Amino acid sequence: MIVLRVCYKSGLRFDEGYYVAKHLPLSKSVCGPYGLKRIEMVKFGPAPDGAMPDYQVMFSAYFASMEDFSRLIQSPRLAELQADIPKYHDGMPDMMVGEVMELAGK
């Protein structure tokens, strides 16, 4: 399984209402035909010592295979997602793609 992580930096505007109501459904619509298995959103708060994390929100999208994810990257609809970012976030998020590794004994 492949995971795309999109990390939104702390200290910049992030409109959670718009993100949940508009951007996440758009993400499902765009990614769905490309082996999307599930999505999740994680909101980060201060660390136990009170320090603010580098990111305020992390979005994860899980895909069946790298082939599926590669087809998404070539989709013309990906531009819709990128064009939507300024509507809820002041900046460009950091993005990472990786393979989910199964752990023995979990």
C-alpha atoms as a PDB file:
ATOM      1  CA  MET A   1       0.000   0.000   0.000  1.00  0.00           C
ATOM      2  CA  ILE A   2       1.175   3.533  -0.811  1.00  0.00           C
ATOM      3  CA  VAL A   3       0.530   6.610   1.328  1.00  0.00           C
ATOM      4  CA  LEU A   4       0.580  10.259   0.314  1.00  0.00           C
ATOM      5  CA  ARG A   5       1.159  12.618   3.254  1.00  0.00           C
ATOM      6  CA  VAL A   6       0.326  16.301   2.834  1.00  0.00           C
ATOM      7  CA  CYS A   7       1.593  18.399   5.749  1.00  0.00           C
ATOM      8  CA  TYR A   8       0.335  21.926   6.409  1.00  0.00           C
ATOM      9  CA  LYS A   9       2.799  24.191   8.207  1.00  0.00           C
ATOM     10  CA  SER A  10       1.988  25.767  11.554  1.00  0.00           C
ATOM     11  CA  GLY A  11       1.741  29.531  11.777  1.00  0.00           C
ATOM     12  CA  LEU A  12      -0.103  29.893   8.468  1.00  0.00           C
ATOM     13  CA  ARG A  13      -3.839  30.291   7.892  1.00  0.00           C
ATOM     14  CA  PHE A  14      -5.657  26.977   7.682  1.00  0.00           C
ATOM     15  CA  ASP A  15      -9.438  27.146   7.246  1.00  0.00           C
ATOM     16  CA  GLU A  16     -10.527  23.823   8.712  1.00  0.00           C
ATOM     17  CA  GLY A  17     -14.203  24.378   7.872  1.00  0.00           C
ATOM     18  CA  TYR A  18     -13.483  24.844   4.173  1.00  0.00           C
ATOM     19  CA  TYR A  19     -10.969  22.004   4.174  1.00  0.00           C
ATOM     20  CA  VAL A  20     -13.414  19.487   5.649  1.00  0.00           C
ATOM     21  CA  ALA A  21     -16.519  20.668   3.775  1.00  0.00           C
ATOM     22  CA  LYS A  22     -15.004  21.341   0.335  1.00  0.00           C
ATOM     23  CA  HIS A  23     -11.418  20.161  -0.122  1.00  0.00           C
ATOM     24  CA  LEU A  24     -11.712  16.661   1.347  1.00  0.00           C
ATOM     25  CA  PRO A  25     -14.745  15.773  -0.818  1.00  0.00           C
ATOM     26  CA  LEU A  26     -12.853  17.141  -3.836  1.00  0.00           C
ATOM     27  CA  SER A  27      -9.867  14.982  -2.866  1.00  0.00           C
ATOM     28  CA  LYS A  28     -12.062  11.877  -2.729  1.00  0.00           C
ATOM     29  CA  SER A  29     -13.589  12.732  -6.096  1.00  0.00           C
ATOM     30  CA  VAL A  30     -10.227  13.268  -7.792  1.00  0.00           C
ATOM     31  CA  CYS A  31      -8.364  10.365  -6.142  1.00  0.00           C
ATOM     32  CA  GLY A  32     -11.169   7.812  -5.971  1.00  0.00           C
ATOM     33  CA  PRO A  33     -10.743   6.390  -9.492  1.00  0.00           C
ATOM     34  CA  TYR A  34      -7.035   5.784  -8.832  1.00  0.00           C
ATOM     35  CA  GLY A  35      -7.117   3.063  -6.193  1.00  0.00           C
ATOM     36  CA  LEU A  36      -7.836   5.312  -3.204  1.00  0.00           C
ATOM     37  CA  LYS A  37      -8.494   3.097  -0.176  1.00  0.00           C
ATOM     38  CA  ARG A  38      -9.036   5.684   2.547  1.00  0.00           C
ATOM     39  CA  ILE A  39      -8.147   9.178   3.713  1.00  0.00           C
ATOM     40  CA  GLU A  40      -7.488  10.623   7.139  1.00  0.00           C
ATOM     41  CA  MET A  41      -6.769  13.992   8.706  1.00  0.00           C
ATOM     42  CA  VAL A  42      -4.644  14.498  11.819  1.00  0.00           C
ATOM     43  CA  LYS A  43      -4.670  17.800  13.750  1.00  0.00           C
ATOM     44  CA  PHE A  44      -1.568  18.470  15.830  1.00  0.00           C
ATOM     45  CA  GLY A  45      -1.434  20.430  19.073  1.00  0.00           C
ATOM     46  CA  PRO A  46       1.414  21.517  21.286  1.00  0.00           C
ATOM     47  CA  ALA A  47       3.994  18.944  22.395  1.00  0.00           C
ATOM     48  CA  PRO A  48       4.083  17.933  26.076  1.00  0.00           C
ATOM     49  CA  ASP A  49       6.666  20.693  26.675  1.00  0.00           C
ATOM     50  CA  GLY A  50       4.350  23.265  25.061  1.00  0.00           C
ATOM     51  CA  ALA A  51       6.376  23.636  21.871  1.00  0.00           C
ATOM     52  CA  MET A  52       4.359  24.050  18.713  1.00  0.00           C
ATOM     53  CA  PRO A  53       4.897  21.375  16.047  1.00  0.00           C
ATOM     54  CA  ASP A  54       6.155  22.206  12.568  1.00  0.00           C
ATOM     55  CA  TYR A  55       2.796  21.160  11.128  1.00  0.00           C
ATOM     56  CA  GLN A  56      -0.746  21.911  12.225  1.00  0.00           C
ATOM     57  CA  VAL A  57      -2.510  19.336  10.029  1.00  0.00           C
ATOM     58  CA  MET A  58      -1.451  16.233   8.131  1.00  0.00           C
ATOM     59  CA  PHE A  59      -3.620  14.626   5.461  1.00  0.00           C
ATOM     60  CA  SER A  60      -3.004  11.018   4.426  1.00  0.00           C
ATOM     61  CA  ALA A  61      -4.384   9.240   1.369  1.00  0.00           C
ATOM     62  CA  TYR A  62      -3.816   5.507   0.992  1.00  0.00           C
ATOM     63  CA  PHE A  63      -3.600   3.859  -2.429  1.00  0.00           C
ATOM     64  CA  ALA A  64      -3.601   0.211  -3.436  1.00  0.00           C
ATOM     65  CA  SER A  65      -0.334   0.420  -5.380  1.00  0.00           C
ATOM     66  CA  MET A  66       2.380   2.710  -6.717  1.00  0.00           C
ATOM     67  CA  GLU A  67       0.936   2.128 -10.187  1.00  0.00           C
ATOM     68  CA  ASP A  68      -2.414   3.554  -9.046  1.00  0.00           C
ATOM     69  CA  PHE A  69      -0.725   6.540  -7.414  1.00  0.00           C
ATOM     70  CA  SER A  70       1.375   7.156 -10.536  1.00  0.00           C
ATOM     71  CA  ARG A  71      -1.788   7.248 -12.653  1.00  0.00           C
ATOM     72  CA  LEU A  72      -3.221   9.865 -10.268  1.00  0.00           C
ATOM     73  CA  ILE A  73      -0.120  12.031 -10.633  1.00  0.00           C
ATOM     74  CA  GLN A  74      -0.661  12.078 -14.387  1.00  0.00           C
ATOM     75  CA  SER A  75      -4.357  12.910 -14.129  1.00  0.00           C
ATOM     76  CA  PRO A  76      -5.380  16.349 -15.423  1.00  0.00           C
ATOM     77  CA  ARG A  77      -7.753  16.590 -12.431  1.00  0.00           C
ATOM     78  CA  LEU A  78      -4.798  16.831 -10.026  1.00  0.00           C
ATOM     79  CA  ALA A  79      -4.565  20.506 -10.993  1.00  0.00           C
ATOM     80  CA  GLU A  80      -8.017  21.017  -9.402  1.00  0.00           C
ATOM     81  CA  LEU A  81      -6.658  19.947  -6.024  1.00  0.00           C
ATOM     82  CA  GLN A  82      -3.611  22.159  -6.298  1.00  0.00           C
ATOM     83  CA  ALA A  83      -5.680  25.163  -7.381  1.00  0.00           C
ATOM     84  CA  ASP A  84      -7.925  24.705  -4.334  1.00  0.00           C
ATOM     85  CA  ILE A  85      -5.111  25.019  -1.762  1.00  0.00           C
ATOM     86  CA  PRO A  86      -5.073  28.868  -1.572  1.00  0.00           C
ATOM     87  CA  LYS A  87      -8.752  28.787  -0.602  1.00  0.00           C
ATOM     88  CA  TYR A  88      -7.919  27.286   2.806  1.00  0.00           C
ATOM     89  CA  HIS A  89      -4.140  27.573   3.388  1.00  0.00           C
ATOM     90  CA  ASP A  90      -1.604  30.388   3.015  1.00  0.00           C
ATOM     91  CA  GLY A  91       1.370  28.456   1.686  1.00  0.00           C
ATOM     92  CA  MET A  92       2.287  25.268  -0.099  1.00  0.00           C
ATOM     93  CA  PRO A  93       2.130  22.097   1.980  1.00  0.00           C
ATOM     94  CA  ASP A  94       4.989  19.636   2.170  1.00  0.00           C
ATOM     95  CA  MET A  95       4.196  16.353   0.425  1.00  0.00           C
ATOM     96  CA  MET A  96       5.720  12.927   0.882  1.00  0.00           C
ATOM     97  CA  VAL A  97       4.950   9.564  -0.707  1.00  0.00           C
ATOM     98  CA  GLY A  98       5.927   6.264   0.839  1.00  0.00           C
ATOM     99  CA  GLU A  99       5.239   2.577   1.075  1.00  0.00           C
ATOM    100  CA  VAL A 100       3.312   1.398   4.123  1.00  0.00           C
ATOM    101  CA  MET A 101       5.347  -1.356   5.754  1.00  0.00           C
ATOM    102  CA  GLU A 102       3.597  -4.119   7.630  1.00  0.00           C
ATOM    103  CA  LEU A 103       5.121  -4.709  11.059  1.00  0.00           C
ATOM    104  CA  ALA A 104       5.487  -8.183  12.455  1.00  0.00           C
ATOM    105  CA  GLY A 105       3.659  -8.906  15.694  1.00  0.00           C
ATOM    106  CA  LYS A 106       1.337  -5.925  15.604  1.00  0.00           C
END
